[in-house]
Amino acid sequence: MAESLRIGIAKLNNENYSVWKFKVELMLIKEDLWDQVSMAKPEDQQAAAIWQKKDDKARATIGLLVEDSQLVHIRKASTAKQVWESLQNYHEKSTLTSKVYLFRQICKMHLSETGNMEAHVATMQELVDKLTALGEEIKDPFFVAMLLSSLPDSYGTMITALESRPEEELTLSFVKGKLIDEYKRRKGVPEIEDSTSALRVSQKKTVSTDKGRGRSCYFCHRQGHSKADCYKYKKWKENKEKTDKIERADKAKENKDHTRQRDKEDDRKMEDFCFNVHESQGNTSVWLIDSGATSHMTNYKNFFDKLEYRNLQKVTVANGKNAEIVGIGSGRLSFIDENNSEVDIMLNDVLYVPELTDSLLSVKKLVDMDLEILFKESACRIFKGNAVIATINASSNMYPLRLKHKAMTIKKKTHTEQCQHTWHRRFGHRNPVDI
């Protein structure tokens, strides 16, 4: 017993059974008492007497190496084998709950950037040993996969290098050694070379080592490595990439918010437009020259050669009513002027407002097309430079266009003084187009 205390075996508790079992087994073997645990009592009386003496010694040794809380499990045992099996049955209960608990502990393990690799590997190994004791043997490839998956992101390069190796080389001992070597390198702990290996170091390797020691890192300015191998540089680069990614995401969000705000402002502007529209029950294809309209707009869907449906809020007309804009597009407007000449105008950014009673041709937009508009003597004249390209007569305080398909006159037709059309105008009757 004094020998066991000198060896330094910690007493059994509810946390250290796996280690305790291994150490006590070795001690019993050393004291020539393991047969009392692993073998049956002999039938020969003389041999049985010697066996009993050793069995009492083995039972006492095991009993004195457990804490008081564990005595309840072995108090009724009369042999060393019964003591051993009682403790084994309690601490190695092969139940599904125990296995699930250990598996979850392994899966939850994760080494922090500043964690101790050696302690991490040892803890995972202990959990695997406990599973093995419960009858669930963990193969080395699975253990290696779980170990690598528990490492922090900074070990990504090393994990990639290990994964590129043939599977037969990725033994558990090899991977453990590489991980601990990398951990020591990062912590600046020098590795102690074996004396035999030191004697076999070639002159070429010595020269290479001296060359490495003379090299200076341009990033951290420390000796012994280059910038490409610098851990601090790799960490800085990784953080910079994350920061740049966040900045790009913020910039994209800012641009998106700016675009959304601009669209809202455009919608508010469209909502504030007020047009001088005279209520009428006219045909849906009637177009009026309107100096108060800030945009061309029509209720006639067939006008559009190209129409994009878009929700642009509403427009407010002079009578106080609101009309909803459902789209915007372009089309070609053909009409007949005062001289029965055909005029063809391409209109862009025309608003589609089905609730309007008439279509509106905006003076402002015509001016933006480098056209000049002149209202004089009950007529509206449209100039392109010095040339008059169209003349529209007033009717009921409005300037309606005579659309090409509604013109009742034939292009370039002349009328005599006795023509019915001439007398129709002399008597002051309304233009048939306006009726």
Protein backbone atom coordinates (compact mmCIF):
# COMPACT_ATOMS: atom_id res chain seq x y z
CA MET A 1 0.00 0.00 0.00
CA ALA A 2 2.89 2.30 0.77
CA GLU A 3 4.20 1.47 -2.69
CA SER A 4 0.90 2.47 -4.29
CA LEU A 5 0.87 5.77 -2.45
CA ARG A 6 4.44 6.39 -3.51
CA ILE A 7 3.52 5.72 -7.10
CA GLY A 8 0.80 8.37 -6.71
CA ILE A 9 -2.45 6.74 -7.76
CA ALA A 10 -5.38 9.10 -7.19
CA LYS A 11 -8.31 7.53 -5.37
CA LEU A 12 -11.34 6.52 -7.43
CA ASN A 13 -14.24 8.96 -7.73
CA ASN A 14 -17.06 9.44 -10.21
CA GLU A 15 -14.84 11.23 -12.74
CA ASN A 16 -11.57 9.27 -13.06
CA TYR A 17 -12.53 5.61 -13.40
CA SER A 18 -10.89 5.11 -16.79
CA VAL A 19 -7.46 6.31 -15.61
CA TRP A 20 -7.83 4.73 -12.17
CA LYS A 21 -8.66 1.33 -13.64
CA PHE A 22 -5.61 1.31 -15.87
CA LYS A 23 -3.20 2.38 -13.11
CA VAL A 24 -4.56 -0.03 -10.51
CA GLU A 25 -4.40 -2.90 -12.99
CA LEU A 26 -0.71 -2.14 -13.62
CA MET A 27 -0.03 -1.92 -9.89
CA LEU A 28 -1.72 -5.26 -9.18
CA ILE A 29 0.34 -6.85 -11.93
CA LYS A 30 3.48 -5.36 -10.40
CA GLU A 31 2.52 -6.72 -6.95
CA ASP A 32 1.71 -10.15 -8.46
CA LEU A 33 -1.94 -9.81 -7.42
CA TRP A 34 -3.70 -9.55 -10.81
CA ASP A 35 -4.47 -13.29 -10.93
CA GLN A 36 -6.81 -12.80 -7.96
CA VAL A 37 -8.91 -10.49 -10.16
CA SER A 38 -8.66 -12.19 -13.55
CA MET A 39 -8.63 -15.90 -12.62
CA ALA A 40 -10.77 -18.30 -10.54
CA LYS A 41 -9.75 -19.66 -7.15
CA PRO A 42 -7.85 -23.00 -7.43
CA GLU A 43 -9.41 -26.19 -6.01
CA ASP A 44 -6.21 -27.49 -4.41
CA GLN A 45 -6.33 -26.72 -0.68
CA GLN A 46 -2.68 -25.76 -0.34
CA ALA A 47 -2.84 -23.53 -3.43
CA ALA A 48 -6.20 -22.18 -2.26
CA ALA A 49 -4.68 -21.09 1.07
CA ILE A 50 -1.95 -19.13 -0.70
CA TRP A 51 -4.59 -17.74 -3.12
CA GLN A 52 -6.78 -16.57 -0.25
CA LYS A 53 -3.93 -14.70 1.38
CA LYS A 54 -3.15 -12.88 -1.88
CA ASP A 55 -6.85 -12.30 -2.53
CA ASP A 56 -7.25 -10.54 0.82
CA LYS A 57 -4.24 -8.38 0.01
CA ALA A 58 -5.61 -7.51 -3.46
CA ARG A 59 -9.08 -6.71 -2.05
CA ALA A 60 -7.54 -4.45 0.60
CA THR A 61 -5.35 -2.70 -1.96
CA ILE A 62 -8.30 -1.94 -4.23
CA GLY A 63 -10.53 -0.88 -1.34
CA LEU A 64 -7.97 1.57 0.02
CA LEU A 65 -7.62 3.21 -3.43
CA VAL A 66 -11.23 4.43 -3.62
CA GLU A 67 -12.83 7.48 -2.05
CA ASP A 68 -15.40 7.11 0.71
CA SER A 69 -18.25 7.77 -1.73
CA GLN A 70 -17.31 4.58 -3.64
CA LEU A 71 -17.32 2.23 -0.63
CA VAL A 72 -21.05 1.69 -0.96
CA HIS A 73 -20.41 -0.28 -4.17
CA ILE A 74 -17.88 -2.73 -2.67
CA ARG A 75 -18.83 -3.09 1.00
CA LYS A 76 -20.60 -6.44 0.49
CA ALA A 77 -17.90 -7.91 -1.79
CA SER A 78 -15.83 -10.70 -0.19
CA THR A 79 -13.17 -11.25 -2.88
CA ALA A 80 -10.92 -8.99 -4.94
CA LYS A 81 -12.70 -10.16 -8.12
CA GLN A 82 -16.10 -9.18 -6.70
CA VAL A 83 -14.75 -5.76 -5.69
CA TRP A 84 -13.31 -5.22 -9.17
CA GLU A 85 -16.45 -6.33 -10.98
CA SER A 86 -18.73 -4.27 -8.71
CA LEU A 87 -16.81 -1.10 -9.52
CA GLN A 88 -16.69 -2.04 -13.20
CA ASN A 89 -20.42 -2.68 -13.39
CA TYR A 90 -21.17 0.69 -11.80
CA HIS A 91 -18.75 2.89 -13.76
CA GLU A 92 -18.97 1.07 -17.11
CA LYS A 93 -22.71 0.73 -17.42
CA SER A 94 -23.19 -0.19 -21.08
CA THR A 95 -26.45 1.65 -21.59
CA LEU A 96 -27.68 3.67 -24.56
CA THR A 97 -27.89 6.76 -22.34
CA SER A 98 -24.21 6.49 -21.40
CA LYS A 99 -23.14 6.05 -25.02
CA VAL A 100 -25.25 8.97 -26.23
CA TYR A 101 -23.85 11.19 -23.49
CA LEU A 102 -20.24 10.37 -24.43
CA PHE A 103 -20.91 10.82 -28.16
CA ARG A 104 -22.46 14.22 -27.51
CA GLN A 105 -19.49 15.24 -25.37
CA ILE A 106 -17.12 14.37 -28.22
CA CYS A 107 -19.22 16.17 -30.85
CA LYS A 108 -19.47 19.31 -28.69
CA MET A 109 -15.72 19.59 -28.18
CA HIS A 110 -14.17 22.62 -29.87
CA LEU A 111 -10.70 24.04 -29.34
CA SER A 112 -10.57 27.82 -28.99
CA GLU A 113 -7.89 29.91 -30.70
CA THR A 114 -6.01 30.20 -27.40
CA GLY A 115 -6.81 26.69 -26.14
CA ASN A 116 -4.30 24.00 -25.16
CA MET A 117 -3.98 21.44 -27.97
CA GLU A 118 -2.35 18.80 -25.77
CA ALA A 119 -5.13 18.96 -23.17
CA HIS A 120 -7.75 18.99 -25.94
CA VAL A 121 -6.38 15.82 -27.54
CA ALA A 122 -6.05 14.10 -24.16
CA THR A 123 -9.65 14.90 -23.20
CA MET A 124 -11.00 13.59 -26.49
CA GLN A 125 -8.90 10.44 -26.14
CA GLU A 126 -10.31 9.84 -22.66
CA LEU A 127 -13.88 10.11 -23.95
CA VAL A 128 -13.10 7.67 -26.75
CA ASP A 129 -11.58 5.25 -24.25
CA LYS A 130 -14.76 5.40 -22.18
CA LEU A 131 -16.83 4.56 -25.25
CA THR A 132 -14.54 1.66 -26.01
CA ALA A 133 -15.02 0.38 -22.47
CA LEU A 134 -18.78 0.42 -23.10
CA GLY A 135 -18.35 -1.77 -26.15
CA GLU A 136 -18.35 0.98 -28.81
CA GLU A 137 -14.98 0.85 -30.51
CA ILE A 138 -14.09 4.08 -32.32
CA LYS A 139 -11.99 3.46 -35.41
CA ASP A 140 -8.97 5.68 -36.01
CA PRO A 141 -10.33 7.34 -39.23
CA PHE A 142 -13.47 8.43 -37.38
CA PHE A 143 -11.43 9.65 -34.41
CA VAL A 144 -9.19 11.65 -36.78
CA ALA A 145 -12.23 13.20 -38.49
CA MET A 146 -13.77 14.22 -35.16
CA LEU A 147 -10.45 15.64 -33.96
CA LEU A 148 -9.91 17.76 -37.09
CA SER A 149 -13.50 19.02 -37.05
CA SER A 150 -13.01 20.31 -33.50
CA LEU A 151 -10.16 22.66 -34.45
CA PRO A 152 -10.52 26.46 -34.89
CA ASP A 153 -10.49 28.21 -38.28
CA SER A 154 -6.82 29.18 -37.97
CA TYR A 155 -5.89 25.51 -38.47
CA GLY A 156 -7.68 25.46 -41.84
CA THR A 157 -4.48 25.43 -43.90
CA MET A 158 -3.05 22.54 -41.91
CA ILE A 159 -6.30 20.57 -42.14
CA THR A 160 -6.28 21.02 -45.92
CA ALA A 161 -2.68 19.79 -46.08
CA LEU A 162 -3.55 16.71 -44.02
CA GLU A 163 -6.63 15.94 -46.10
CA SER A 164 -4.50 15.96 -49.26
CA ARG A 165 -2.42 13.05 -47.94
CA PRO A 166 -3.31 9.41 -48.69
CA GLU A 167 -5.75 7.97 -46.16
CA GLU A 168 -3.37 5.21 -45.11
CA GLU A 169 -0.93 7.87 -43.86
CA LEU A 170 -3.52 9.61 -41.67
CA THR A 171 -3.05 7.43 -38.63
CA LEU A 172 -4.16 8.70 -35.25
CA SER A 173 -0.63 8.96 -33.90
CA PHE A 174 0.56 10.83 -37.01
CA VAL A 175 -2.26 13.40 -36.84
CA LYS A 176 -1.85 13.88 -33.11
CA GLY A 177 1.87 14.48 -33.56
CA LYS A 178 1.34 17.03 -36.34
CA LEU A 179 -1.28 18.95 -34.35
CA ILE A 180 0.84 19.11 -31.20
CA ASP A 181 3.91 20.14 -33.23
CA GLU A 182 1.91 22.97 -34.82
CA TYR A 183 0.58 24.02 -31.41
CA LYS A 184 4.09 24.18 -29.96
CA ARG A 185 5.35 26.11 -32.98
CA ARG A 186 2.64 28.72 -32.53
CA LYS A 187 3.33 29.00 -28.84
CA GLY A 188 7.05 29.32 -29.45
CA VAL A 189 7.92 26.17 -27.48
CA PRO A 190 11.14 24.68 -28.91
CA GLU A 191 11.06 20.97 -29.55
CA ILE A 192 13.81 18.85 -27.90
CA GLU A 193 15.55 16.68 -30.43
CA ASP A 194 16.50 13.12 -29.66
CA SER A 195 20.24 12.84 -29.01
CA THR A 196 20.61 10.12 -31.63
CA SER A 197 18.78 12.22 -34.20
CA ALA A 198 20.94 15.21 -33.36
CA LEU A 199 24.06 13.20 -34.16
CA ARG A 200 22.65 12.29 -37.56
CA VAL A 201 21.95 15.87 -38.65
CA SER A 202 23.76 16.48 -41.92
CA GLN A 203 25.83 19.51 -42.75
CA LYS A 204 23.30 20.40 -45.42
CA LYS A 205 20.49 20.53 -42.86
CA THR A 206 22.64 22.66 -40.55
CA VAL A 207 23.25 25.17 -43.31
CA SER A 208 19.53 25.25 -44.08
CA THR A 209 18.71 25.85 -40.41
CA ASP A 210 21.21 28.68 -40.17
CA LYS A 211 19.72 30.20 -43.29
CA GLY A 212 16.24 30.03 -41.76
CA ARG A 213 17.41 31.62 -38.57
CA GLY A 214 18.87 34.53 -40.47
CA ARG A 215 15.64 35.16 -42.35
CA SER A 216 13.45 38.04 -41.18
CA CYS A 217 9.67 38.33 -41.53
CA TYR A 218 8.61 41.56 -43.26
CA PHE A 219 5.32 41.55 -41.35
CA CYS A 220 6.15 40.90 -37.67
CA HIS A 221 9.92 41.59 -38.10
CA ARG A 222 10.84 38.46 -36.15
CA GLN A 223 13.66 36.13 -37.15
CA GLY A 224 13.34 32.55 -38.32
CA HIS A 225 10.49 32.63 -40.84
CA SER A 226 9.22 34.45 -43.92
CA LYS A 227 6.07 36.52 -44.32
CA ALA A 228 4.32 33.69 -46.19
CA ASP A 229 4.78 31.41 -43.15
CA CYS A 230 4.00 34.07 -40.54
CA TYR A 231 1.09 33.08 -38.31
CA LYS A 232 0.36 36.69 -37.38
CA TYR A 233 0.23 37.68 -41.07
CA LYS A 234 -2.16 34.83 -41.87
CA LYS A 235 -4.38 35.85 -38.98
CA TRP A 236 -4.29 39.51 -40.04
CA LYS A 237 -5.13 38.56 -43.62
CA GLU A 238 -8.03 36.39 -42.49
CA ASN A 239 -9.46 39.20 -40.34
CA LYS A 240 -8.99 41.71 -43.17
CA GLU A 241 -10.91 39.50 -45.59
CA LYS A 242 -13.76 39.24 -43.07
CA THR A 243 -13.74 43.02 -42.57
CA ASP A 244 -13.72 43.68 -46.33
CA LYS A 245 -16.64 41.30 -46.77
CA ILE A 246 -18.63 43.13 -44.09
CA GLU A 247 -17.79 46.51 -45.66
CA ARG A 248 -18.91 45.30 -49.10
CA ALA A 249 -22.18 44.04 -47.61
CA ASP A 250 -22.72 47.37 -45.84
CA LYS A 251 -21.96 49.28 -49.06
CA ALA A 252 -24.42 47.16 -51.03
CA LYS A 253 -27.08 47.72 -48.36
CA GLU A 254 -26.37 51.47 -48.41
CA ASN A 255 -26.76 51.60 -52.21
CA LYS A 256 -29.97 49.59 -51.99
CA ASP A 257 -31.36 51.91 -49.32
CA HIS A 258 -30.34 54.94 -51.39
CA THR A 259 -32.12 53.54 -54.46
CA ARG A 260 -35.23 52.77 -52.40
CA GLN A 261 -35.19 56.31 -50.94
CA ARG A 262 -34.78 57.84 -54.40
CA ASP A 263 -37.73 55.80 -55.69
CA LYS A 264 -39.82 57.02 -52.76
CA GLU A 265 -38.88 60.62 -53.54
CA ASP A 266 -39.82 60.09 -57.19
CA ASP A 267 -43.13 58.62 -56.08
CA ARG A 268 -43.79 61.62 -53.84
CA LYS A 269 -43.01 63.94 -56.74
CA MET A 270 -45.40 62.04 -58.97
CA GLU A 271 -48.02 62.22 -56.25
CA ASP A 272 -47.75 66.04 -56.11
CA PHE A 273 -48.37 66.60 -59.85
CA CYS A 274 -51.51 68.61 -60.61
CA PHE A 275 -53.03 68.80 -64.08
CA ASN A 276 -55.49 71.23 -65.59
CA VAL A 277 -57.94 68.60 -66.86
CA HIS A 278 -61.44 69.49 -67.97
CA GLU A 279 -63.94 66.79 -67.07
CA SER A 280 -65.65 65.40 -70.11
CA GLN A 281 -67.25 62.26 -71.33
CA GLY A 282 -65.11 62.19 -74.44
CA ASN A 283 -63.67 59.18 -76.18
CA THR A 284 -60.77 57.46 -74.44
CA SER A 285 -58.46 58.15 -77.38
CA VAL A 286 -58.82 61.98 -77.31
CA TRP A 287 -55.50 63.83 -76.80
CA LEU A 288 -55.35 67.38 -75.40
CA ILE A 289 -52.49 69.89 -75.38
CA ASP A 290 -52.06 70.74 -71.67
CA SER A 291 -49.69 73.41 -70.32
CA GLY A 292 -50.29 72.26 -66.72
CA ALA A 293 -49.28 68.63 -67.17
CA THR A 294 -45.74 67.76 -66.13
CA SER A 295 -45.77 64.45 -68.04
CA HIS A 296 -47.48 62.92 -71.05
CA MET A 297 -50.24 60.57 -69.92
CA THR A 298 -53.00 58.53 -71.51
CA ASN A 299 -55.85 56.23 -70.62
CA TYR A 300 -55.58 54.49 -73.98
CA LYS A 301 -53.61 51.24 -73.60
CA ASN A 302 -53.39 50.58 -77.35
CA PHE A 303 -51.28 53.73 -77.74
CA PHE A 304 -48.22 52.05 -76.26
CA ASP A 305 -45.64 50.28 -78.36
CA LYS A 306 -43.79 49.47 -75.14
CA LEU A 307 -45.38 49.47 -71.68
CA GLU A 308 -43.78 48.65 -68.33
CA TYR A 309 -46.21 48.10 -65.49
CA ARG A 310 -45.01 49.98 -62.44
CA ASN A 311 -46.67 51.32 -59.30
CA LEU A 312 -45.90 55.07 -59.28
CA GLN A 313 -48.46 56.17 -56.67
CA LYS A 314 -51.10 58.63 -57.92
CA VAL A 315 -51.58 61.92 -59.74
CA THR A 316 -53.93 64.67 -58.61
CA VAL A 317 -56.08 66.48 -61.18
CA ALA A 318 -57.55 69.97 -60.94
CA ASN A 319 -60.91 68.75 -59.63
CA GLY A 320 -59.15 67.31 -56.57
CA LYS A 321 -59.52 63.67 -57.53
CA ASN A 322 -56.62 61.20 -57.47
CA ALA A 323 -55.85 58.88 -60.35
CA GLU A 324 -53.56 55.86 -60.03
CA ILE A 325 -50.54 55.43 -62.32
CA VAL A 326 -50.17 51.77 -63.29
CA GLY A 327 -47.35 51.95 -65.84
CA ILE A 328 -45.01 53.95 -68.04
CA GLY A 329 -44.02 53.46 -71.67
CA SER A 330 -43.62 54.90 -75.15
CA GLY A 331 -45.57 55.11 -78.38
CA ARG A 332 -46.08 57.02 -81.61
CA LEU A 333 -48.81 59.68 -81.87
CA SER A 334 -50.17 60.53 -85.33
CA PHE A 335 -52.62 63.40 -85.83
CA ILE A 336 -53.88 65.83 -88.48
CA ASP A 337 -53.16 69.54 -88.09
CA GLU A 338 -55.18 72.53 -89.28
CA ASN A 339 -53.86 72.19 -92.84
CA ASN A 340 -54.88 68.51 -93.03
CA SER A 341 -51.21 67.55 -92.86
CA GLU A 342 -50.20 64.42 -91.02
CA VAL A 343 -47.94 64.97 -87.98
CA ASP A 344 -46.09 62.07 -86.40
CA ILE A 345 -44.45 62.41 -82.94
CA MET A 346 -42.61 59.77 -80.90
CA LEU A 347 -43.49 60.13 -77.19
CA ASN A 348 -41.38 58.60 -74.42
CA ASP A 349 -42.02 58.27 -70.66
CA VAL A 350 -45.79 58.39 -71.15
CA LEU A 351 -47.75 57.53 -67.99
CA TYR A 352 -50.58 54.99 -68.26
CA VAL A 353 -53.50 56.28 -66.12
CA PRO A 354 -56.70 54.33 -66.94
CA GLU A 355 -58.90 56.58 -64.76
CA LEU A 356 -58.30 59.71 -66.89
CA THR A 357 -61.12 60.82 -69.15
CA ASP A 358 -58.74 62.24 -71.80
CA SER A 359 -55.11 61.78 -72.79
CA LEU A 360 -52.75 64.69 -72.09
CA LEU A 361 -49.83 65.96 -74.16
CA SER A 362 -47.50 67.86 -71.82
CA VAL A 363 -46.21 71.24 -73.06
CA LYS A 364 -43.25 70.90 -70.69
CA LYS A 365 -42.23 67.56 -72.20
CA LEU A 366 -42.63 68.92 -75.74
CA VAL A 367 -40.30 71.80 -74.85
CA ASP A 368 -37.83 69.23 -73.49
CA MET A 369 -37.90 67.71 -77.01
CA ASP A 370 -36.53 71.03 -78.38
CA LEU A 371 -39.97 72.04 -79.66
CA GLU A 372 -41.45 75.51 -79.18
CA ILE A 373 -45.12 75.92 -78.25
CA LEU A 374 -47.01 79.13 -79.02
CA PHE A 375 -50.62 79.80 -77.96
CA LYS A 376 -52.06 82.63 -80.09
CA GLU A 377 -55.40 83.56 -81.70
CA SER A 378 -57.29 80.51 -80.42
CA ALA A 379 -54.69 78.17 -81.81
CA CYS A 380 -51.66 76.29 -80.56
CA ARG A 381 -48.68 76.17 -82.89
CA ILE A 382 -45.79 73.75 -82.50
CA PHE A 383 -42.45 74.92 -83.93
CA LYS A 384 -39.31 72.97 -84.76
CA GLY A 385 -36.77 75.74 -85.11
CA ASN A 386 -38.41 78.32 -87.40
CA ALA A 387 -40.72 75.81 -89.06
CA VAL A 388 -44.31 75.24 -87.94
CA ILE A 389 -44.82 71.49 -87.76
CA ALA A 390 -48.38 71.56 -86.40
CA THR A 391 -51.28 73.91 -85.67
CA ILE A 392 -54.08 72.86 -83.29
CA ASN A 393 -57.25 74.95 -83.07
CA ALA A 394 -58.93 75.60 -79.72
CA SER A 395 -62.26 73.98 -78.89
CA SER A 396 -64.20 74.63 -75.65
CA ASN A 397 -61.13 76.20 -74.06
CA MET A 398 -59.07 73.12 -74.91
CA TYR A 399 -56.69 72.12 -77.70
CA PRO A 400 -57.72 68.64 -78.90
CA LEU A 401 -55.64 66.81 -81.48
CA ARG A 402 -57.36 65.48 -84.58
CA LEU A 403 -56.14 61.90 -84.57
CA LYS A 404 -55.24 60.37 -87.87
CA HIS A 405 -57.75 57.53 -87.67
CA LYS A 406 -60.55 59.98 -86.74
CA ALA A 407 -59.92 62.65 -89.28
CA MET A 408 -62.92 63.15 -91.47
CA THR A 409 -60.97 64.85 -94.18
CA ILE A 410 -58.82 63.21 -96.76
CA LYS A 411 -55.13 64.08 -96.74
CA LYS A 412 -54.29 66.96 -99.15
CA LYS A 413 -57.96 67.20 -100.33
CA THR A 414 -59.12 70.70 -101.44
CA HIS A 415 -62.68 72.00 -101.12
CA THR A 416 -64.49 74.37 -103.47
CA GLU A 417 -66.28 77.48 -102.25
CA GLN A 418 -69.65 75.70 -102.67
CA CYS A 419 -68.48 72.53 -100.87
CA GLN A 420 -70.73 71.39 -98.00
CA HIS A 421 -67.71 71.34 -95.69
CA THR A 422 -66.96 74.97 -96.48
CA TRP A 423 -70.60 76.02 -95.79
CA HIS A 424 -70.52 73.93 -92.60
CA ARG A 425 -67.68 76.07 -91.28
CA ARG A 426 -69.24 79.34 -92.55
CA PHE A 427 -72.40 78.70 -90.53
CA GLY A 428 -70.22 78.26 -87.43
CA HIS A 429 -71.11 74.62 -86.87
CA ARG A 430 -68.76 72.53 -84.73
CA ASN A 431 -66.03 70.45 -86.21
CA PRO A 432 -67.37 66.89 -86.73
CA VAL A 433 -64.31 65.52 -84.96
CA ASP A 434 -65.30 67.38 -81.80
CA ILE A 435 -68.92 66.17 -81.82
